[in-house]
Amino acid sequence: MHTTTQQIDNGVNVTALLGAREALTQAPEAARFIWRAHCDWIRGTHSQIAVEDFHGLGETQRHRSRFTYQADHPEVFAAQDHGPTPVEYVLVGLAACLTAGVAAVAQHRGIQLRSVKAMVEGDMDIQGILGMDPEVRNGFDDIRVTFEIDADASRADIEALLAQSQKRSAVYDLLTNPTYVKVELK
């Protein structure tokens, strides 16, 4: 009898991730990270945001390059529509975080992914942010994430991938648990 073992490659270095987890177990203070985004107002509701450095592993770290993002509001809000709205970036972050988790968990569990697509939708009544009704919240009322995953696994195994991704997603946690946010003037 001859058996072949299929190499699983979803592009995630699980060995390195598990090694990092083990190393941080020995030095938990190094696991304290500070993520940064620097924002400059351009005009109207248009801003440019840069992400370049962060603090982790006990010191300042830098991304390989500086990432810049435009944020604005659409023309229906009498704006110039130079970029996605800030709330759309939240949806982008949730989609990216959950999808990365699916890839990492699939790699760890030996599941080959062929494609992963996510649709993220957030319901919002803008009467709140427009100050029309003080009883209407400013944020999302509801967020839905729908995945289409093609993988060499059963539906139950794919559902387990999603569950583990959701369980470990930082952005999912941010949206579903209260986080203290301090806003101050320098």
Foldseek 3Di string as FASTA:
>chain_A
DDDDDDQACLPDDLVVVVVVVVVCVVVVVQADKAFDKDWDADDDQKIKIKGFWIDGRHGIDGDPDIDIFIAGDDCVVVIDCPHHHPLVVLQVLVQVQLVVQLSNVCNVVVKHWPDKDKDKDFAADCCCVVVNDVVGHNDTPDMDIDMDTDIPDDPVVSVVSSVVSCVPGPSNCPVPDDDDDDDDDD
